[in-house]
Amino acid sequence: MDSSSEKISYNAGQAKGQAQEKAGSLMDKASDAAQAAKESLQQAGQQMMEKAQGAADAVKDATGINKKN
């Protein structure tokens, strides 16, 4: 192999390594974003459940179902 083809091969290897590194970084960012979205949805779901329970308790209080004898 002459020096020009070795240089081309080296540059191609460098470019491939950089592309793989960028792809890995993008995948990490996508994974982080997906995890954040999952946590946000779980938190919203928990808040909705708490509000629903509060509403159910309010109805029970208003109708006297919760009153102790």
Protein backbone atom coordinates (compact mmCIF):
# COMPACT_ATOMS: atom_id res chain seq x y z
CA MET A 1 0.00 0.00 0.00
CA ASP A 2 1.35 3.41 -0.85
CA SER A 3 1.15 6.32 1.56
CA SER A 4 -1.85 7.99 -0.15
CA SER A 5 -4.04 4.89 0.11
CA GLU A 6 -2.91 4.39 3.71
CA LYS A 7 -3.91 7.99 4.47
CA ILE A 8 -7.31 7.48 2.82
CA SER A 9 -7.83 4.29 4.79
CA TYR A 10 -6.82 6.05 8.03
CA ASN A 11 -9.16 8.97 7.34
CA ALA A 12 -12.00 6.59 6.55
CA GLY A 13 -11.39 4.80 9.84
CA GLN A 14 -11.36 8.13 11.70
CA ALA A 15 -14.63 9.19 10.05
CA LYS A 16 -16.23 5.85 10.89
CA GLY A 17 -15.14 6.15 14.53
CA GLN A 18 -16.49 9.68 14.79
CA ALA A 19 -19.81 8.64 13.22
CA GLN A 20 -20.14 5.75 15.65
CA GLU A 21 -19.36 8.06 18.58
CA LYS A 22 -21.99 10.58 17.42
CA ALA A 23 -24.55 7.81 16.93
CA GLY A 24 -23.85 6.51 20.43
CA SER A 25 -24.23 10.00 21.86
CA LEU A 26 -27.54 10.48 20.04
CA MET A 27 -28.79 7.15 21.34
CA ASP A 28 -27.84 8.14 24.89
CA LYS A 29 -29.69 11.45 24.51
CA ALA A 30 -32.76 9.68 23.10
CA SER A 31 -32.68 7.19 25.96
CA ASP A 32 -32.40 10.01 28.52
CA ALA A 33 -35.32 11.84 26.90
CA ALA A 34 -37.43 8.68 26.89
CA GLN A 35 -36.67 8.06 30.57
CA ALA A 36 -37.56 11.66 31.46
CA ALA A 37 -40.84 11.35 29.55
CA LYS A 38 -41.65 8.08 31.31
CA GLU A 39 -40.99 9.63 34.72
CA SER A 40 -43.08 12.68 33.83
CA LEU A 41 -45.99 10.49 32.76
CA GLN A 42 -45.72 8.39 35.91
CA GLN A 43 -45.78 11.55 38.02
CA ALA A 44 -48.81 12.90 36.14
CA GLY A 45 -50.60 9.57 36.57
CA GLN A 46 -49.87 9.57 40.29
CA GLN A 47 -51.22 13.12 40.63
CA MET A 48 -54.38 12.16 38.73
CA MET A 49 -54.92 9.15 41.01
CA GLU A 50 -54.50 11.35 44.09
CA LYS A 51 -56.99 13.89 42.73
CA ALA A 52 -59.47 11.13 41.89
CA GLN A 53 -59.14 9.71 45.40
CA GLY A 54 -59.65 13.18 46.86
CA ALA A 55 -62.76 13.66 44.73
CA ALA A 56 -64.12 10.27 45.79
CA ASP A 57 -63.50 11.14 49.44
CA ALA A 58 -65.25 14.50 48.97
CA VAL A 59 -68.29 12.76 47.52
CA LYS A 60 -68.34 10.29 50.40
CA ASP A 61 -68.11 13.16 52.89
CA ALA A 62 -70.87 15.10 51.13
CA THR A 63 -73.20 12.10 51.04
CA GLY A 64 -72.44 11.00 54.58
CA ILE A 65 -70.91 7.66 53.54
CA ASN A 66 -67.70 8.45 55.45
CA LYS A 67 -69.42 9.38 58.71
CA LYS A 68 -68.70 7.15 61.66
CA ASN A 69 -71.56 6.08 63.90
